[in-house]
Amino acid sequence: MESLLITINIILAIILVISVLLQKSEGGALGLGVSQDNFTSARSVGSFLTKFTSIIAALFIICSVIIVAISRDELRETQSVLEKQEEEDSNLPQIPQSK
């Protein structure tokens, strides 16, 4: 199951990179070089590629979170910290008790 999700995540990452590279550059880093009139009209109309990129990005993030959740469940042990400490203490040499 985990390997299937990792494969899907890699495919989503490749599609995400390609879709970002295909988008037209709007210029002006963070909107600094764009006039206000052009900025509002360009942002109000979302192209297919922009919507597609956002959907793929959301799927990529969801898939990544699921992979982390699955891997954490597999790593989780049933022993408590106290049980582990008791096992470590039993492996150490014991000091003889005087009467």
PDB file of N, CA and C in Angstrom:
ATOM      1  N   MET A   1       0.830  -1.194   0.000  1.00  0.00           N
ATOM      2  CA  MET A   1       0.000   0.000   0.000  1.00  0.00           C
ATOM      3  C   MET A   1       0.867   1.248   0.000  1.00  0.00           C
ATOM      4  N   GLU A   2       1.900   1.224   0.848  1.00  0.00           N
ATOM      5  CA  GLU A   2       2.767   2.393   0.940  1.00  0.00           C
ATOM      6  C   GLU A   2       3.540   2.614  -0.361  1.00  0.00           C
ATOM      7  N   SER A   3       3.993   1.531  -0.989  1.00  0.00           N
ATOM      8  CA  SER A   3       4.733   1.684  -2.244  1.00  0.00           C
ATOM      9  C   SER A   3       3.835   2.213  -3.361  1.00  0.00           C
ATOM     10  N   LEU A   4       2.569   1.833  -3.358  1.00  0.00           N
ATOM     11  CA  LEU A   4       1.627   2.363  -4.344  1.00  0.00           C
ATOM     12  C   LEU A   4       1.427   3.865  -4.143  1.00  0.00           C
ATOM     13  N   LEU A   5       1.280   4.291  -2.894  1.00  0.00           N
ATOM     14  CA  LEU A   5       1.111   5.718  -2.610  1.00  0.00           C
ATOM     15  C   LEU A   5       2.363   6.513  -2.960  1.00  0.00           C
ATOM     16  N   ILE A   6       3.530   5.940  -2.729  1.00  0.00           N
ATOM     17  CA  ILE A   6       4.773   6.627  -3.089  1.00  0.00           C
ATOM     18  C   ILE A   6       4.867   6.783  -4.599  1.00  0.00           C
ATOM     19  N   THR A   7       4.473   5.752  -5.336  1.00  0.00           N
ATOM     20  CA  THR A   7       4.472   5.831  -6.798  1.00  0.00           C
ATOM     21  C   THR A   7       3.504   6.905  -7.290  1.00  0.00           C
ATOM     22  N   ILE A   8       2.316   6.937  -6.711  1.00  0.00           N
ATOM     23  CA  ILE A   8       1.332   7.962  -7.077  1.00  0.00           C
ATOM     24  C   ILE A   8       1.864   9.344  -6.742  1.00  0.00           C
ATOM     25  N   ASN A   9       2.542   9.472  -5.599  1.00  0.00           N
ATOM     26  CA  ASN A   9       3.094  10.756  -5.181  1.00  0.00           C
ATOM     27  C   ASN A   9       4.182  11.233  -6.143  1.00  0.00           C
ATOM     28  N   ILE A  10       5.012  10.329  -6.621  1.00  0.00           N
ATOM     29  CA  ILE A  10       6.059  10.691  -7.586  1.00  0.00           C
ATOM     30  C   ILE A  10       5.440  11.137  -8.897  1.00  0.00           C
ATOM     31  N   ILE A  11       4.410  10.425  -9.347  1.00  0.00           N
ATOM     32  CA  ILE A  11       3.725  10.806 -10.583  1.00  0.00           C
ATOM     33  C   ILE A  11       3.068  12.173 -10.437  1.00  0.00           C
ATOM     34  N   LEU A  12       2.430  12.413  -9.292  1.00  0.00           N
ATOM     35  CA  LEU A  12       1.825  13.727  -9.040  1.00  0.00           C
ATOM     36  C   LEU A  12       2.876  14.830  -9.014  1.00  0.00           C
ATOM     37  N   ALA A  13       4.046  14.542  -8.448  1.00  0.00           N
ATOM     38  CA  ALA A  13       5.113  15.541  -8.399  1.00  0.00           C
ATOM     39  C   ALA A  13       5.605  15.889  -9.802  1.00  0.00           C
ATOM     40  N   ILE A  14       5.745  14.888 -10.651  1.00  0.00           N
ATOM     41  CA  ILE A  14       6.184  15.135 -12.028  1.00  0.00           C
ATOM     42  C   ILE A  14       5.146  15.948 -12.784  1.00  0.00           C
ATOM     43  N   ILE A  15       3.871  15.589 -12.632  1.00  0.00           N
ATOM     44  CA  ILE A  15       2.791  16.340 -13.293  1.00  0.00           C
ATOM     45  C   ILE A  15       2.744  17.769 -12.775  1.00  0.00           C
ATOM     46  N   LEU A  16       2.956  17.949 -11.477  1.00  0.00           N
ATOM     47  CA  LEU A  16       2.940  19.279 -10.882  1.00  0.00           C
ATOM     48  C   LEU A  16       4.064  20.152 -11.439  1.00  0.00           C
ATOM     49  N   VAL A  17       5.257  19.592 -11.549  1.00  0.00           N
ATOM     50  CA  VAL A  17       6.388  20.347 -12.088  1.00  0.00           C
ATOM     51  C   VAL A  17       6.120  20.737 -13.539  1.00  0.00           C
ATOM     52  N   ILE A  18       5.604  19.809 -14.332  1.00  0.00           N
ATOM     53  CA  ILE A  18       5.321  20.092 -15.744  1.00  0.00           C
ATOM     54  C   ILE A  18       4.241  21.153 -15.877  1.00  0.00           C
ATOM     55  N   SER A  19       3.199  21.067 -15.059  1.00  0.00           N
ATOM     56  CA  SER A  19       2.120  22.050 -15.170  1.00  0.00           C
ATOM     57  C   SER A  19       2.565  23.442 -14.734  1.00  0.00           C
ATOM     58  N   VAL A  20       3.472  23.520 -13.758  1.00  0.00           N
ATOM     59  CA  VAL A  20       3.996  24.825 -13.347  1.00  0.00           C
ATOM     60  C   VAL A  20       4.886  25.400 -14.449  1.00  0.00           C
ATOM     61  N   LEU A  21       5.694  24.551 -15.069  1.00  0.00           N
ATOM     62  CA  LEU A  21       6.571  25.035 -16.128  1.00  0.00           C
ATOM     63  C   LEU A  21       5.808  25.458 -17.378  1.00  0.00           C
ATOM     64  N   LEU A  22       4.634  24.885 -17.613  1.00  0.00           N
ATOM     65  CA  LEU A  22       3.841  25.241 -18.785  1.00  0.00           C
ATOM     66  C   LEU A  22       3.080  26.551 -18.628  1.00  0.00           C
ATOM     67  N   GLN A  23       2.932  27.016 -17.421  1.00  0.00           N
ATOM     68  CA  GLN A  23       2.153  28.236 -17.192  1.00  0.00           C
ATOM     69  C   GLN A  23       2.894  29.460 -17.701  1.00  0.00           C
ATOM     70  N   LYS A  24       2.124  30.438 -18.133  1.00  0.00           N
ATOM     71  CA  LYS A  24       2.684  31.681 -18.634  1.00  0.00           C
ATOM     72  C   LYS A  24       3.169  32.516 -17.456  1.00  0.00           C
ATOM     73  N   SER A  25       4.363  33.066 -17.593  1.00  0.00           N
ATOM     74  CA  SER A  25       4.895  33.917 -16.547  1.00  0.00           C
ATOM     75  C   SER A  25       4.152  35.240 -16.555  1.00  0.00           C
ATOM     76  N   GLU A  26       3.711  35.669 -15.378  1.00  0.00           N
ATOM     77  CA  GLU A  26       2.970  36.929 -15.296  1.00  0.00           C
ATOM     78  C   GLU A  26       3.910  38.084 -15.018  1.00  0.00           C
ATOM     79  N   GLY A  27       5.166  37.818 -14.780  1.00  0.00           N
ATOM     80  CA  GLY A  27       6.150  38.871 -14.591  1.00  0.00           C
ATOM     81  C   GLY A  27       5.971  39.602 -13.288  1.00  0.00           C
ATOM     82  N   GLY A  28       6.965  40.393 -12.924  1.00  0.00           N
ATOM     83  CA  GLY A  28       6.884  41.197 -11.711  1.00  0.00           C
ATOM     84  C   GLY A  28       6.787  40.327 -10.492  1.00  0.00           C
ATOM     85  N   ALA A  29       7.893  40.035  -9.883  1.00  0.00           N
ATOM     86  CA  ALA A  29       7.920  39.139  -8.736  1.00  0.00           C
ATOM     87  C   ALA A  29       6.919  39.569  -7.677  1.00  0.00           C
ATOM     88  N   LEU A  30       6.033  38.696  -7.329  1.00  0.00           N
ATOM     89  CA  LEU A  30       4.982  38.907  -6.337  1.00  0.00           C
ATOM     90  C   LEU A  30       4.073  40.083  -6.691  1.00  0.00           C
ATOM     91  N   GLY A  31       3.919  40.314  -7.978  1.00  0.00           N
ATOM     92  CA  GLY A  31       3.001  41.358  -8.412  1.00  0.00           C
ATOM     93  C   GLY A  31       3.553  42.758  -8.321  1.00  0.00           C
ATOM     94  N   LEU A  32       4.849  42.900  -8.145  1.00  0.00           N
ATOM     95  CA  LEU A  32       5.428  44.235  -7.979  1.00  0.00           C
ATOM     96  C   LEU A  32       5.488  45.011  -9.294  1.00  0.00           C
ATOM     97  N   GLY A  33       5.616  44.308 -10.428  1.00  0.00           N
ATOM     98  CA  GLY A  33       5.765  45.005 -11.695  1.00  0.00           C
ATOM     99  C   GLY A  33       4.479  45.108 -12.480  1.00  0.00           C
ATOM    100  N   VAL A  34       3.352  44.774 -11.898  1.00  0.00           N
ATOM    101  CA  VAL A  34       2.076  44.757 -12.612  1.00  0.00           C
ATOM    102  C   VAL A  34       1.233  45.916 -12.119  1.00  0.00           C
ATOM    103  N   SER A  35       0.570  46.590 -13.059  1.00  0.00           N
ATOM    104  CA  SER A  35      -0.315  47.683 -12.646  1.00  0.00           C
ATOM    105  C   SER A  35      -1.562  47.110 -11.982  1.00  0.00           C
ATOM    106  N   GLN A  36      -2.248  47.924 -11.231  1.00  0.00           N
ATOM    107  CA  GLN A  36      -3.421  47.463 -10.485  1.00  0.00           C
ATOM    108  C   GLN A  36      -4.543  47.023 -11.421  1.00  0.00           C
ATOM    109  N   ASP A  37      -4.761  47.720 -12.529  1.00  0.00           N
ATOM    110  CA  ASP A  37      -5.839  47.353 -13.458  1.00  0.00           C
ATOM    111  C   ASP A  37      -5.583  45.983 -14.056  1.00  0.00           C
ATOM    112  N   ASN A  38      -4.383  45.758 -14.488  1.00  0.00           N
ATOM    113  CA  ASN A  38      -4.030  44.482 -15.103  1.00  0.00           C
ATOM    114  C   ASN A  38      -4.019  43.369 -14.063  1.00  0.00           C
ATOM    115  N   PHE A  39      -3.635  43.682 -12.849  1.00  0.00           N
ATOM    116  CA  PHE A  39      -3.543  42.677 -11.786  1.00  0.00           C
ATOM    117  C   PHE A  39      -4.912  42.117 -11.427  1.00  0.00           C
ATOM    118  N   THR A  40      -5.926  42.975 -11.264  1.00  0.00           N
ATOM    119  CA  THR A  40      -7.248  42.491 -10.863  1.00  0.00           C
ATOM    120  C   THR A  40      -7.924  41.735 -11.989  1.00  0.00           C
ATOM    121  N   SER A  41      -7.763  42.159 -13.232  1.00  0.00           N
ATOM    122  CA  SER A  41      -8.425  41.465 -14.331  1.00  0.00           C
ATOM    123  C   SER A  41      -7.761  40.121 -14.609  1.00  0.00           C
ATOM    124  N   ALA A  42      -6.445  40.047 -14.443  1.00  0.00           N
ATOM    125  CA  ALA A  42      -5.735  38.795 -14.695  1.00  0.00           C
ATOM    126  C   ALA A  42      -6.046  37.770 -13.608  1.00  0.00           C
ATOM    127  N   ARG A  43      -6.226  38.224 -12.374  1.00  0.00           N
ATOM    128  CA  ARG A  43      -6.498  37.304 -11.283  1.00  0.00           C
ATOM    129  C   ARG A  43      -7.956  36.838 -11.260  1.00  0.00           C
ATOM    130  N   SER A  44      -8.855  37.622 -11.797  1.00  0.00           N
ATOM    131  CA  SER A  44     -10.261  37.222 -11.733  1.00  0.00           C
ATOM    132  C   SER A  44     -10.578  36.077 -12.686  1.00  0.00           C
ATOM    133  N   VAL A  45      -9.837  35.983 -13.756  1.00  0.00           N
ATOM    134  CA  VAL A  45     -10.071  34.912 -14.732  1.00  0.00           C
ATOM    135  C   VAL A  45      -9.017  33.838 -14.503  1.00  0.00           C
ATOM    136  N   GLY A  46      -9.442  32.706 -13.966  1.00  0.00           N
ATOM    137  CA  GLY A  46      -8.526  31.604 -13.731  1.00  0.00           C
ATOM    138  C   GLY A  46      -8.540  30.665 -14.917  1.00  0.00           C
ATOM    139  N   SER A  47      -7.365  30.435 -15.483  1.00  0.00           N
ATOM    140  CA  SER A  47      -7.288  29.550 -16.640  1.00  0.00           C
ATOM    141  C   SER A  47      -7.376  28.085 -16.207  1.00  0.00           C
ATOM    142  N   PHE A  48      -7.556  27.240 -17.169  1.00  0.00           N
ATOM    143  CA  PHE A  48      -7.649  25.806 -16.912  1.00  0.00           C
ATOM    144  C   PHE A  48      -6.359  25.299 -16.279  1.00  0.00           C
ATOM    145  N   LEU A  49      -5.223  25.788 -16.777  1.00  0.00           N
ATOM    146  CA  LEU A  49      -3.943  25.309 -16.279  1.00  0.00           C
ATOM    147  C   LEU A  49      -3.714  25.706 -14.820  1.00  0.00           C
ATOM    148  N   THR A  50      -4.172  26.870 -14.433  1.00  0.00           N
ATOM    149  CA  THR A  50      -4.041  27.315 -13.043  1.00  0.00           C
ATOM    150  C   THR A  50      -4.886  26.445 -12.117  1.00  0.00           C
ATOM    151  N   LYS A  51      -6.113  26.165 -12.523  1.00  0.00           N
ATOM    152  CA  LYS A  51      -6.982  25.302 -11.709  1.00  0.00           C
ATOM    153  C   LYS A  51      -6.439  23.880 -11.645  1.00  0.00           C
ATOM    154  N   PHE A  52      -5.937  23.393 -12.781  1.00  0.00           N
ATOM    155  CA  PHE A  52      -5.369  22.051 -12.837  1.00  0.00           C
ATOM    156  C   PHE A  52      -4.164  21.947 -11.900  1.00  0.00           C
ATOM    157  N   THR A  53      -3.306  22.973 -11.899  1.00  0.00           N
ATOM    158  CA  THR A  53      -2.123  22.983 -11.037  1.00  0.00           C
ATOM    159  C   THR A  53      -2.514  22.978  -9.564  1.00  0.00           C
ATOM    160  N   SER A  54      -3.525  23.752  -9.221  1.00  0.00           N
ATOM    161  CA  SER A  54      -3.938  23.790  -7.813  1.00  0.00           C
ATOM    162  C   SER A  54      -4.544  22.469  -7.372  1.00  0.00           C
ATOM    163  N   ILE A  55      -5.275  21.811  -8.242  1.00  0.00           N
ATOM    164  CA  ILE A  55      -5.847  20.499  -7.899  1.00  0.00           C
ATOM    165  C   ILE A  55      -4.745  19.463  -7.725  1.00  0.00           C
ATOM    166  N   ILE A  56      -3.773  19.447  -8.639  1.00  0.00           N
ATOM    167  CA  ILE A  56      -2.660  18.501  -8.538  1.00  0.00           C
ATOM    168  C   ILE A  56      -1.838  18.775  -7.273  1.00  0.00           C
ATOM    169  N   ALA A  57      -1.630  20.051  -6.948  1.00  0.00           N
ATOM    170  CA  ALA A  57      -0.881  20.391  -5.734  1.00  0.00           C
ATOM    171  C   ALA A  57      -1.616  19.909  -4.486  1.00  0.00           C
ATOM    172  N   ALA A  58      -2.936  20.063  -4.468  1.00  0.00           N
ATOM    173  CA  ALA A  58      -3.721  19.602  -3.321  1.00  0.00           C
ATOM    174  C   ALA A  58      -3.650  18.077  -3.202  1.00  0.00           C
ATOM    175  N   LEU A  59      -3.757  17.373  -4.322  1.00  0.00           N
ATOM    176  CA  LEU A  59      -3.646  15.912  -4.297  1.00  0.00           C
ATOM    177  C   LEU A  59      -2.262  15.468  -3.838  1.00  0.00           C
ATOM    178  N   PHE A  60      -1.235  16.185  -4.266  1.00  0.00           N
ATOM    179  CA  PHE A  60       0.133  15.869  -3.856  1.00  0.00           C
ATOM    180  C   PHE A  60       0.297  16.020  -2.345  1.00  0.00           C
ATOM    181  N   ILE A  61      -0.227  17.092  -1.787  1.00  0.00           N
ATOM    182  CA  ILE A  61      -0.113  17.324  -0.345  1.00  0.00           C
ATOM    183  C   ILE A  61      -0.902  16.275   0.436  1.00  0.00           C
ATOM    184  N   ILE A  62      -2.110  15.969  -0.012  1.00  0.00           N
ATOM    185  CA  ILE A  62      -2.932  14.959   0.662  1.00  0.00           C
ATOM    186  C   ILE A  62      -2.243  13.597   0.623  1.00  0.00           C
ATOM    187  N   CYS A  63      -1.697  13.240  -0.525  1.00  0.00           N
ATOM    188  CA  CYS A  63      -1.005  11.957  -0.658  1.00  0.00           C
ATOM    189  C   CYS A  63       0.229  11.916   0.242  1.00  0.00           C
ATOM    190  N   SER A  64       0.954  13.018   0.342  1.00  0.00           N
ATOM    191  CA  SER A  64       2.132  13.075   1.213  1.00  0.00           C
ATOM    192  C   SER A  64       1.752  12.902   2.676  1.00  0.00           C
ATOM    193  N   VAL A  65       0.666  13.522   3.102  1.00  0.00           N
ATOM    194  CA  VAL A  65       0.212  13.403   4.482  1.00  0.00           C
ATOM    195  C   VAL A  65      -0.217  11.964   4.783  1.00  0.00           C
ATOM    196  N   ILE A  66      -0.883  11.328   3.837  1.00  0.00           N
ATOM    197  CA  ILE A  66      -1.313   9.937   4.026  1.00  0.00           C
ATOM    198  C   ILE A  66      -0.101   9.015   4.140  1.00  0.00           C
ATOM    199  N   ILE A  67       0.925   9.254   3.326  1.00  0.00           N
ATOM    200  CA  ILE A  67       2.139   8.432   3.392  1.00  0.00           C
ATOM    201  C   ILE A  67       2.802   8.573   4.758  1.00  0.00           C
ATOM    202  N   VAL A  68       2.865   9.790   5.264  1.00  0.00           N
ATOM    203  CA  VAL A  68       3.465  10.006   6.591  1.00  0.00           C
ATOM    204  C   VAL A  68       2.639   9.306   7.670  1.00  0.00           C
ATOM    205  N   ALA A  69       1.324   9.391   7.577  1.00  0.00           N
ATOM    206  CA  ALA A  69       0.467   8.749   8.575  1.00  0.00           C
ATOM    207  C   ALA A  69       0.629   7.235   8.552  1.00  0.00           C
ATOM    208  N   ILE A  70       0.715   6.663   7.373  1.00  0.00           N
ATOM    209  CA  ILE A  70       0.878   5.204   7.266  1.00  0.00           C
ATOM    210  C   ILE A  70       2.242   4.784   7.802  1.00  0.00           C
ATOM    211  N   SER A  71       3.292   5.527   7.460  1.00  0.00           N
ATOM    212  CA  SER A  71       4.629   5.141   7.912  1.00  0.00           C
ATOM    213  C   SER A  71       4.772   5.305   9.427  1.00  0.00           C
ATOM    214  N   ARG A  72       4.093   6.285  10.013  1.00  0.00           N
ATOM    215  CA  ARG A  72       4.143   6.446  11.473  1.00  0.00           C
ATOM    216  C   ARG A  72       3.443   5.293  12.174  1.00  0.00           C
ATOM    217  N   ASP A  73       2.341   4.805  11.608  1.00  0.00           N
ATOM    218  CA  ASP A  73       1.635   3.678  12.217  1.00  0.00           C
ATOM    219  C   ASP A  73       2.477   2.416  12.171  1.00  0.00           C
ATOM    220  N   GLU A  74       3.247   2.237  11.091  1.00  0.00           N
ATOM    221  CA  GLU A  74       4.084   1.046  10.986  1.00  0.00           C
ATOM    222  C   GLU A  74       5.260   1.103  11.951  1.00  0.00           C
ATOM    223  N   LEU A  75       5.757   2.296  12.239  1.00  0.00           N
ATOM    224  CA  LEU A  75       6.901   2.434  13.134  1.00  0.00           C
ATOM    225  C   LEU A  75       6.521   2.395  14.601  1.00  0.00           C
ATOM    226  N   ARG A  76       5.263   2.669  14.870  1.00  0.00           N
ATOM    227  CA  ARG A  76       4.817   2.724  16.264  1.00  0.00           C
ATOM    228  C   ARG A  76       4.899   1.335  16.901  1.00  0.00           C
ATOM    229  N   GLU A  77       5.513   1.268  18.056  1.00  0.00           N
ATOM    230  CA  GLU A  77       5.636  -0.004  18.767  1.00  0.00           C
ATOM    231  C   GLU A  77       4.590  -0.056  19.869  1.00  0.00           C
ATOM    232  N   THR A  78       4.286  -1.271  20.307  1.00  0.00           N
ATOM    233  CA  THR A  78       3.267  -1.437  21.330  1.00  0.00           C
ATOM    234  C   THR A  78       3.831  -1.268  22.734  1.00  0.00           C
ATOM    235  N   GLN A  79       5.150  -1.290  22.870  1.00  0.00           N
ATOM    236  CA  GLN A  79       5.742  -1.176  24.193  1.00  0.00           C
ATOM    237  C   GLN A  79       5.745   0.272  24.647  1.00  0.00           C
ATOM    238  N   SER A  80       5.575   0.439  25.926  1.00  0.00           N
ATOM    239  CA  SER A  80       5.674   1.776  26.491  1.00  0.00           C
ATOM    240  C   SER A  80       7.136   2.073  26.820  1.00  0.00           C
ATOM    241  N   VAL A  81       7.404   3.284  27.168  1.00  0.00           N
ATOM    242  CA  VAL A  81       8.766   3.690  27.507  1.00  0.00           C
ATOM    243  C   VAL A  81       9.234   2.982  28.772  1.00  0.00           C
ATOM    244  N   LEU A  82       8.326   2.788  29.719  1.00  0.00           N
ATOM    245  CA  LEU A  82       8.702   2.112  30.965  1.00  0.00           C
ATOM    246  C   LEU A  82       9.066   0.654  30.725  1.00  0.00           C
ATOM    247  N   GLU A  83       8.338  -0.024  29.832  1.00  0.00           N
ATOM    248  CA  GLU A  83       8.661  -1.417  29.522  1.00  0.00           C
ATOM    249  C   GLU A  83      10.020  -1.525  28.849  1.00  0.00           C
ATOM    250  N   LYS A  84      10.342  -0.588  27.995  1.00  0.00           N
ATOM    251  CA  LYS A  84      11.658  -0.592  27.357  1.00  0.00           C
ATOM    252  C   LYS A  84      12.751  -0.378  28.397  1.00  0.00           C
ATOM    253  N   GLN A  85      12.523   0.516  29.340  1.00  0.00           N
ATOM    254  CA  GLN A  85      13.511   0.790  30.383  1.00  0.00           C
ATOM    255  C   GLN A  85      13.728  -0.434  31.257  1.00  0.00           C
ATOM    256  N   GLU A  86      12.655  -1.159  31.568  1.00  0.00           N
ATOM    257  CA  GLU A  86      12.780  -2.372  32.379  1.00  0.00           C
ATOM    258  C   GLU A  86      13.593  -3.427  31.648  1.00  0.00           C
ATOM    259  N   GLU A  87      13.398  -3.545  30.334  1.00  0.00           N
ATOM    260  CA  GLU A  87      14.172  -4.523  29.566  1.00  0.00           C
ATOM    261  C   GLU A  87      15.644  -4.146  29.545  1.00  0.00           C
ATOM    262  N   GLU A  88      15.938  -2.858  29.400  1.00  0.00           N
ATOM    263  CA  GLU A  88      17.326  -2.421  29.393  1.00  0.00           C
ATOM    264  C   GLU A  88      17.970  -2.649  30.753  1.00  0.00           C
ATOM    265  N   ASP A  89      17.210  -2.418  31.816  1.00  0.00           N
ATOM    266  CA  ASP A  89      17.742  -2.627  33.164  1.00  0.00           C
ATOM    267  C   ASP A  89      18.000  -4.101  33.435  1.00  0.00           C
ATOM    268  N   SER A  90      17.189  -4.980  32.915  1.00  0.00           N
ATOM    269  CA  SER A  90      17.377  -6.417  33.164  1.00  0.00           C
ATOM    270  C   SER A  90      18.606  -6.953  32.424  1.00  0.00           C
ATOM    271  N   ASN A  91      19.030  -6.292  31.361  1.00  0.00           N
ATOM    272  CA  ASN A  91      20.206  -6.737  30.623  1.00  0.00           C
ATOM    273  C   ASN A  91      21.509  -6.279  31.280  1.00  0.00           C
ATOM    274  N   LEU A  92      21.453  -5.304  32.161  1.00  0.00           N
ATOM    275  CA  LEU A  92      22.652  -4.807  32.825  1.00  0.00           C
ATOM    276  C   LEU A  92      23.038  -5.749  33.958  1.00  0.00           C
ATOM    277  N   PRO A  93      24.333  -5.824  34.232  1.00  0.00           N
ATOM    278  CA  PRO A  93      24.751  -6.650  35.390  1.00  0.00           C
ATOM    279  C   PRO A  93      24.198  -6.079  36.682  1.00  0.00           C
ATOM    280  N   GLN A  94      23.763  -6.940  37.556  1.00  0.00           N
ATOM    281  CA  GLN A  94      23.154  -6.528  38.810  1.00  0.00           C
ATOM    282  C   GLN A  94      24.207  -6.511  39.934  1.00  0.00           C
ATOM    283  N   ILE A  95      24.076  -5.552  40.808  1.00  0.00           N
ATOM    284  CA  ILE A  95      24.955  -5.479  41.987  1.00  0.00           C
ATOM    285  C   ILE A  95      24.404  -6.422  43.046  1.00  0.00           C
ATOM    286  N   PRO A  96      25.239  -7.281  43.577  1.00  0.00           N
ATOM    287  CA  PRO A  96      24.719  -8.200  44.614  1.00  0.00           C
ATOM    288  C   PRO A  96      24.280  -7.424  45.850  1.00  0.00           C
ATOM    289  N   GLN A  97      23.185  -7.851  46.412  1.00  0.00           N
ATOM    290  CA  GLN A  97      22.630  -7.223  47.618  1.00  0.00           C
ATOM    291  C   GLN A  97      23.270  -7.850  48.852  1.00  0.00           C
ATOM    292  N   SER A  98      23.699  -7.023  49.793  1.00  0.00           N
ATOM    293  CA  SER A  98      24.270  -7.555  51.042  1.00  0.00           C
ATOM    294  C   SER A  98      23.154  -7.717  52.067  1.00  0.00           C
ATOM    295  N   LYS A  99      23.294  -8.719  52.920  1.00  0.00           N
ATOM    296  CA  LYS A  99      22.255  -8.991  53.919  1.00  0.00           C
ATOM    297  C   LYS A  99      22.561  -8.365  55.217  1.00  0.00           C
TER     298      LYS A  99
END
